[in-house]
C-alpha atoms as a PDB file:
ATOM      1  CA  UNK A   1      -4.258 -21.123 -15.569  1.00  0.00           C
ATOM      2  CA  UNK A   2      -4.384 -17.771 -13.790  1.00  0.00           C
ATOM      3  CA  UNK A   3      -2.352 -14.869 -15.094  1.00  0.00           C
ATOM      4  CA  UNK A   4       0.440 -13.524 -12.953  1.00  0.00           C
ATOM      5  CA  UNK A   5      -0.191  -9.822 -12.325  1.00  0.00           C
ATOM      6  CA  UNK A   6       2.794  -7.464 -12.127  1.00  0.00           C
ATOM      7  CA  UNK A   7       2.747  -4.680  -9.525  1.00  0.00           C
ATOM      8  CA  UNK A   8       4.465  -1.305  -9.190  1.00  0.00           C
ATOM      9  CA  UNK A   9       4.805   0.818  -6.057  1.00  0.00           C
ATOM     10  CA  UNK A  10       3.032   4.168  -6.497  1.00  0.00           C
ATOM     11  CA  UNK A  11       2.532   7.320  -4.435  1.00  0.00           C
ATOM     12  CA  UNK A  12      -1.052   8.606  -4.572  1.00  0.00           C
ATOM     13  CA  UNK A  13      -2.989  11.567  -3.203  1.00  0.00           C
ATOM     14  CA  UNK A  14      -6.689  12.248  -2.596  1.00  0.00           C
ATOM     15  CA  UNK A  15      -8.248  15.618  -1.806  1.00  0.00           C
ATOM     16  CA  UNK A  16     -10.363  15.897   1.335  1.00  0.00           C
ATOM     17  CA  UNK A  17     -12.044  18.797   3.105  1.00  0.00           C
ATOM     18  CA  UNK A  18      -9.296  21.127   4.282  1.00  0.00           C
ATOM     19  CA  UNK A  19      -6.371  19.351   2.608  1.00  0.00           C
ATOM     20  CA  UNK A  20      -5.279  16.059   1.144  1.00  0.00           C
ATOM     21  CA  UNK A  21      -4.289  12.530   2.131  1.00  0.00           C
ATOM     22  CA  UNK A  22      -1.303  10.627   0.718  1.00  0.00           C
ATOM     23  CA  UNK A  23      -0.580   6.935   0.540  1.00  0.00           C
ATOM     24  CA  UNK A  24       1.960   4.603  -1.035  1.00  0.00           C
ATOM     25  CA  UNK A  25       0.926   1.197  -2.270  1.00  0.00           C
ATOM     26  CA  UNK A  26       1.666  -1.527  -4.789  1.00  0.00           C
ATOM     27  CA  UNK A  27      -0.925  -1.429  -7.573  1.00  0.00           C
ATOM     28  CA  UNK A  28      -1.256  -3.487 -10.778  1.00  0.00           C
ATOM     29  CA  UNK A  29       1.086  -2.215 -13.484  1.00  0.00           C
ATOM     30  CA  UNK A  30      -1.794  -1.535 -15.895  1.00  0.00           C
ATOM     31  CA  UNK A  31      -3.145   1.158 -13.503  1.00  0.00           C
ATOM     32  CA  UNK A  32       0.256   2.667 -12.612  1.00  0.00           C
ATOM     33  CA  UNK A  33       0.177   5.768 -14.806  1.00  0.00           C
ATOM     34  CA  UNK A  34       0.941   9.276 -13.482  1.00  0.00           C
ATOM     35  CA  UNK A  35      -2.234  11.369 -13.366  1.00  0.00           C
ATOM     36  CA  UNK A  36      -4.594   8.406 -13.436  1.00  0.00           C
ATOM     37  CA  UNK A  37      -7.515   8.602 -10.991  1.00  0.00           C
ATOM     38  CA  UNK A  38      -8.176   5.339  -9.129  1.00  0.00           C
ATOM     39  CA  UNK A  39     -10.595   3.816  -6.662  1.00  0.00           C
ATOM     40  CA  UNK A  40      -8.813   2.031  -3.786  1.00  0.00           C
ATOM     41  CA  UNK A  41     -10.238  -0.286  -1.172  1.00  0.00           C
ATOM     42  CA  UNK A  42     -10.113   0.934   2.442  1.00  0.00           C
ATOM     43  CA  UNK A  43     -10.658  -1.520   5.294  1.00  0.00           C
ATOM     44  CA  UNK A  44     -12.991   0.911   7.076  1.00  0.00           C
ATOM     45  CA  UNK A  45     -14.835   2.700   4.266  1.00  0.00           C
ATOM     46  CA  UNK A  46     -14.980   0.135   1.454  1.00  0.00           C
ATOM     47  CA  UNK A  47     -14.018   1.560  -1.949  1.00  0.00           C
ATOM     48  CA  UNK A  48     -12.816   5.174  -2.012  1.00  0.00           C
ATOM     49  CA  UNK A  49     -12.695   7.180  -5.266  1.00  0.00           C
ATOM     50  CA  UNK A  50     -10.398  10.048  -6.156  1.00  0.00           C
ATOM     51  CA  UNK A  51      -6.866   8.694  -5.613  1.00  0.00           C
ATOM     52  CA  UNK A  52      -4.534  10.365  -8.138  1.00  0.00           C
ATOM     53  CA  UNK A  53      -1.278   8.595  -9.033  1.00  0.00           C
ATOM     54  CA  UNK A  54       1.537  11.113  -8.482  1.00  0.00           C
ATOM     55  CA  UNK A  55       4.643   8.953  -8.744  1.00  0.00           C
ATOM     56  CA  UNK A  56       5.317   5.509 -10.223  1.00  0.00           C
ATOM     57  CA  UNK A  57       8.265   3.424  -9.034  1.00  0.00           C
ATOM     58  CA  UNK A  58      10.838   1.785 -11.322  1.00  0.00           C
ATOM     59  CA  UNK A  59      10.713  -1.740  -9.910  1.00  0.00           C
ATOM     60  CA  UNK A  60       8.126  -4.190 -11.252  1.00  0.00           C
ATOM     61  CA  UNK A  61       7.241  -7.050  -8.902  1.00  0.00           C
ATOM     62  CA  UNK A  62       5.409 -10.301  -9.593  1.00  0.00           C
ATOM     63  CA  UNK A  63       2.244 -10.793  -7.522  1.00  0.00           C
ATOM     64  CA  UNK A  64       3.750 -13.656  -5.530  1.00  0.00           C
ATOM     65  CA  UNK A  65       6.779 -11.492  -4.651  1.00  0.00           C
ATOM     66  CA  UNK A  66       4.866  -8.582  -3.073  1.00  0.00           C
ATOM     67  CA  UNK A  67       6.184  -7.628   0.363  1.00  0.00           C
ATOM     68  CA  UNK A  68       3.867  -8.592   3.224  1.00  0.00           C
ATOM     69  CA  UNK A  69       3.820  -5.610   5.593  1.00  0.00           C
ATOM     70  CA  UNK A  70       1.939  -7.533   8.299  1.00  0.00           C
ATOM     71  CA  UNK A  71       4.592 -10.245   8.305  1.00  0.00           C
ATOM     72  CA  UNK A  72       7.388  -7.630   8.375  1.00  0.00           C
ATOM     73  CA  UNK A  73       5.820  -5.839  11.371  1.00  0.00           C
ATOM     74  CA  UNK A  74       5.321  -9.133  13.209  1.00  0.00           C
ATOM     75  CA  UNK A  75       8.957 -10.156  12.607  1.00  0.00           C
ATOM     76  CA  UNK A  76      10.180  -6.726  13.740  1.00  0.00           C
ATOM     77  CA  UNK A  77       8.192  -6.951  16.975  1.00  0.00           C
ATOM     78  CA  UNK A  78       9.543 -10.424  17.682  1.00  0.00           C
ATOM     79  CA  UNK A  79      13.143  -9.392  17.042  1.00  0.00           C
ATOM     80  CA  UNK A  80      12.986  -6.195  19.137  1.00  0.00           C
ATOM     81  CA  UNK A  81      10.848  -7.496  21.975  1.00  0.00           C
ATOM     82  CA  UNK A  82       8.034  -5.041  21.210  1.00  0.00           C
ATOM     83  CA  UNK A  83       5.535  -7.913  21.302  1.00  0.00           C
ATOM     84  CA  UNK A  84       6.469  -8.914  24.864  1.00  0.00           C
ATOM     85  CA  UNK A  85       3.955  -8.015  27.588  1.00  0.00           C
ATOM     86  CA  UNK A  86       4.773  -4.801  29.416  1.00  0.00           C
ATOM     87  CA  UNK A  87       5.706  -5.021  33.059  1.00  0.00           C
ATOM     88  CA  UNK A  88       4.006  -2.653  35.468  1.00  0.00           C
ATOM     89  CA  UNK A  89       6.343  -0.713  37.714  1.00  0.00           C
END
């Protein structure tokens, strides 16, 4: 039987040349501690070190209840007509 991981939404920051980059993501609750330095997976660059947890949310979510941003974007486009082909004038 697989364990059901609990997730918490966290705001994180990573220093880069000339500034910093911020992101918000759901991460496993065991890693959601302010000040903790994490390695996150990036679709383009693989694993990226140096993400510092700055803020931890209050809501704990079961793994099967995580919001699916791709599904939400797809539903939004369908409901607003953004996915329809553009007509040339």
